[in-house]
Amino acid sequence: MYDEIDVFRVIVEQSSMNKASALLNLSQPALSRKIAKLEDEIGTQLFRRVGKRLELTRIGQLTYEYALELKQLHRAFLHNVSEFTATGRTSLTIGASLTTLQTTLPDLIQRLTSTHPEFDIKAVTGKTHEIVSYVREHKVDLGVVASRIDDPSIRCVSLFDDHLLLVLPRNHVITDKGDLRIDDLNGLPMILFSKGTWYRILTDELFDTHRISPDVRMEIDSFEAILRLLHTCRAATLLPKSYMRQQLLEDNDLIVMPIRELEEAKRTTSLIHVDPASLSPSVRLCINEISAVFAQPPSK
C-alpha cells in the first residue's frame, strides 16, 4: 500500500498524470491501476474530474496529508537504519518541559543509557504546548511533560502524581511553630520559580484559592539556584516533590515542612508520543520500558 500512496502523492504534487508518469517512469495505465487499487483499499474515490482537471475529494485531501507524514516517517526510518548500520548506534530525541527537565528527565536518561548504551539520547526543551507540538510533528520521538494531554493525535501515559513541598532553611523562624497550615505562607518571604511553567501556574493557583500573598523576594528559573539562595535571603520556597532528594536537603541544610493543602494540589507527569505504529522499534521499546518503570496502576 505504501507504493500506491507514494504514487498518489506524486500525482497530487505534479497536478498532472502526464508529469507524474514521466517523473515515476511509469505508463499512465500503470498509474491508473495503482490509484484504482488504492481507492479500492480505502473504499472511496480520491479524485473527481472537473473538466480536464483532477481535484481531490475530502478523503483524497486526508490521504495526501497522510502520504506526506508517511514520506517523512519513511525517510526517518531509512536514516535510523543507515545510522545504526554504520555506527552500531541509534538516536533517540526526548522533548522535556522546563519543569520535567529538572525533575524527571535526568533519572529517565540515566536509566535508558544504562540499559541501552547503544542509544545516543538528545533532549529538546520548551514549554508544555511546544513539546506537544514537537511530538505531533515528529520533531522529537517522545515527550515528558508535567500535565495530562487531551489530544486525539497524542498518546498520553500517566507516569506519576506530583505535588508541591514547602522547603526552607533548617533554622528558619517559622519552623518553631510546629505544624503549619496554608495560611502560614501569608507574608512569608519566598523565592519562586519563574512564570510560565505548570509548576508556577500551580503555585499561583494555590495562592489565589487560599488568598495567600507571600513576600516574593526573587523569581528564578533554576531549582538549584533557588535552593542555594534560601539561606542568603532567609526565605522559603515551594518545589515539586519529584525534584527533592534527601541529599539535596542535607547538602543545603534545608528541611521540608508538611502542609496538607500542598499535598492535595497534585499534577500528573506524563509520557506522550504519537501512534506507536508510526514509531521505530527502538522508540517503542523505550516507551514500554519507561511505562513499566514509572507508570501508575489505574485507579480502582
Foldseek 3Di string as FASTA:
>chain_A
DLVLLLLLLLCVVVQDLVVSCVVVVHDSVVNVVSQVVVCVVVVHHQWDDDPPGTDGDPVVVVSNVVNVLLVVLVVVVVVQVVVCVVPVAGEAEEEEELQCVQFPVVVLVVVCCVVCVRYDYHYHYDAPVVRVVCQLSVVGAKYKAFAADDDPQKDKFFFDKKWKWKKAAPPQPCVVVPADEPQVQAQFEAEEEAPDHPVVVLVVVLCVVVVGDYNYPYYHNDPLVRLQCRVVRVGIYIGMPSNDDPVSCVVSNMDTHDYVVRVVSMITIIMMHGDCVSHDPVSVVSVVVSCVVGGDDDDD
